[in-house]
Protein backbone atom coordinates (compact mmCIF):
# COMPACT_ATOMS: atom_id res chain seq x y z
CA UNK A 1 -1.76 6.07 4.58
CA UNK A 2 -3.79 2.85 4.51
CA UNK A 3 -4.82 1.13 7.70
CA UNK A 4 -2.55 -1.68 8.92
CA UNK A 5 -3.56 -5.16 7.81
CA UNK A 6 -5.43 -7.18 10.39
CA UNK A 7 -4.47 -10.50 8.81
CA UNK A 8 -1.06 -11.46 7.47
CA UNK A 9 -0.60 -12.30 3.79
CA UNK A 10 0.38 -15.85 4.74
CA UNK A 11 -2.85 -16.33 6.70
CA UNK A 12 -4.89 -14.90 3.82
CA UNK A 13 -3.29 -17.27 1.32
CA UNK A 14 -3.69 -20.28 3.59
CA UNK A 15 -7.31 -19.52 4.43
CA UNK A 16 -8.18 -18.86 0.80
CA UNK A 17 -6.50 -22.07 -0.36
CA UNK A 18 -8.29 -24.10 2.35
CA UNK A 19 -11.65 -22.56 1.46
CA UNK A 20 -11.19 -23.10 -2.28
CA UNK A 21 -10.17 -26.72 -1.70
CA UNK A 22 -13.18 -27.27 0.56
CA UNK A 23 -15.56 -25.66 -1.92
CA UNK A 24 -14.19 -27.86 -4.70
CA UNK A 25 -14.60 -30.99 -2.56
CA UNK A 26 -17.92 -30.27 -0.81
CA UNK A 27 -19.58 -27.65 -2.95
CA UNK A 28 -21.35 -25.89 -0.09
CA UNK A 29 -19.71 -22.49 -0.41
CA UNK A 30 -20.84 -20.59 2.69
CA UNK A 31 -20.68 -23.62 4.99
CA UNK A 32 -17.07 -24.23 3.97
CA UNK A 33 -16.18 -20.55 4.33
CA UNK A 34 -17.73 -20.37 7.81
CA UNK A 35 -15.97 -23.57 8.91
CA UNK A 36 -12.54 -22.49 7.62
CA UNK A 37 -13.01 -18.98 9.06
CA UNK A 38 -13.81 -20.35 12.51
CA UNK A 39 -10.84 -22.78 12.34
CA UNK A 40 -8.40 -19.97 11.53
CA UNK A 41 -10.10 -17.28 13.65
CA UNK A 42 -10.85 -15.10 10.60
CA UNK A 43 -14.03 -13.14 10.01
CA UNK A 44 -16.19 -15.10 7.54
CA UNK A 45 -16.95 -12.02 5.43
CA UNK A 46 -13.24 -11.30 5.05
CA UNK A 47 -12.63 -14.87 3.93
CA UNK A 48 -15.58 -14.73 1.53
CA UNK A 49 -14.05 -11.59 -0.04
CA UNK A 50 -10.64 -13.24 -0.36
CA UNK A 51 -12.17 -16.32 -1.97
CA UNK A 52 -14.16 -14.20 -4.41
CA UNK A 53 -11.01 -12.22 -5.36
CA UNK A 54 -9.05 -15.46 -5.84
CA UNK A 55 -11.77 -16.87 -8.10
CA UNK A 56 -11.85 -13.68 -10.19
CA UNK A 57 -8.06 -13.62 -10.47
CA UNK A 58 -8.06 -17.30 -11.50
CA UNK A 59 -10.67 -16.61 -14.17
CA UNK A 60 -13.30 -18.93 -12.71
CA UNK A 61 -15.63 -16.04 -11.80
CA UNK A 62 -16.53 -12.95 -13.80
CA UNK A 63 -15.05 -9.62 -12.76
CA UNK A 64 -12.01 -7.37 -12.98
CA UNK A 65 -8.79 -9.06 -11.92
CA UNK A 66 -6.47 -7.51 -9.35
CA UNK A 67 -3.86 -6.82 -12.03
CA UNK A 68 -6.41 -5.05 -14.22
CA UNK A 69 -7.69 -3.00 -11.30
CA UNK A 70 -4.15 -1.94 -10.34
CA UNK A 71 -3.33 -1.01 -13.94
CA UNK A 72 -6.55 1.01 -14.28
CA UNK A 73 -5.81 2.87 -11.04
CA UNK A 74 -2.28 3.63 -12.26
CA UNK A 75 -3.58 4.92 -15.59
CA UNK A 76 -6.22 7.07 -13.87
CA UNK A 77 -3.50 8.67 -11.71
CA UNK A 78 -1.42 9.33 -14.81
CA UNK A 79 -4.40 10.91 -16.60
CA UNK A 80 -5.03 13.21 -13.60
CA UNK A 81 -1.37 14.28 -13.61
CA UNK A 82 -1.37 14.93 -17.34
CA UNK A 83 -4.60 16.93 -17.17
CA UNK A 84 -3.18 19.04 -14.35
CA UNK A 85 0.03 19.65 -16.32
CA UNK A 86 -2.03 20.50 -19.40
CA UNK A 87 -4.03 23.10 -17.46
CA UNK A 88 -0.81 24.64 -16.13
CA UNK A 89 0.58 24.85 -19.67
CA UNK A 90 -2.64 26.40 -21.00
CA UNK A 91 -2.59 29.02 -18.26
CA UNK A 92 1.08 29.77 -18.86
CA UNK A 93 0.65 30.07 -22.63
CA UNK A 94 -2.34 32.39 -22.20
CA UNK A 95 -0.29 34.50 -19.82
CA UNK A 96 2.64 34.67 -22.27
CA UNK A 97 0.29 35.50 -25.15
CA UNK A 98 -1.27 38.34 -23.16
CA UNK A 99 2.17 39.66 -22.26
CA UNK A 100 3.24 39.53 -25.91
CA UNK A 101 0.16 41.49 -26.98
CA UNK A 102 0.80 44.11 -24.29
CA UNK A 103 4.42 44.44 -25.44
CA UNK A 104 3.50 44.93 -29.11
CA UNK A 105 1.03 47.75 -28.39
CA UNK A 106 3.50 49.87 -26.44
């Protein structure tokens, strides 16, 4: 179970929006992030991460979007499940084949 969120989704969205607006207006990225973080009592590194994620999701920065990352994680889980099921089926078919050979020789 994941750890509880320290900051609410509403606070994250508000802080990210304020930081992005400030960066667009002033251009000094870290100064704006530090100022907004202190105004909203948020850790600057957390805000920097949120801003980076928002920029990637918006397509203004290179990287894997949140939707892509979620889809990849879902597909990786599905592949693990299918591989496990495949191994179970291989083991079962080998067991049935061995039983069939034993039955024919008797």
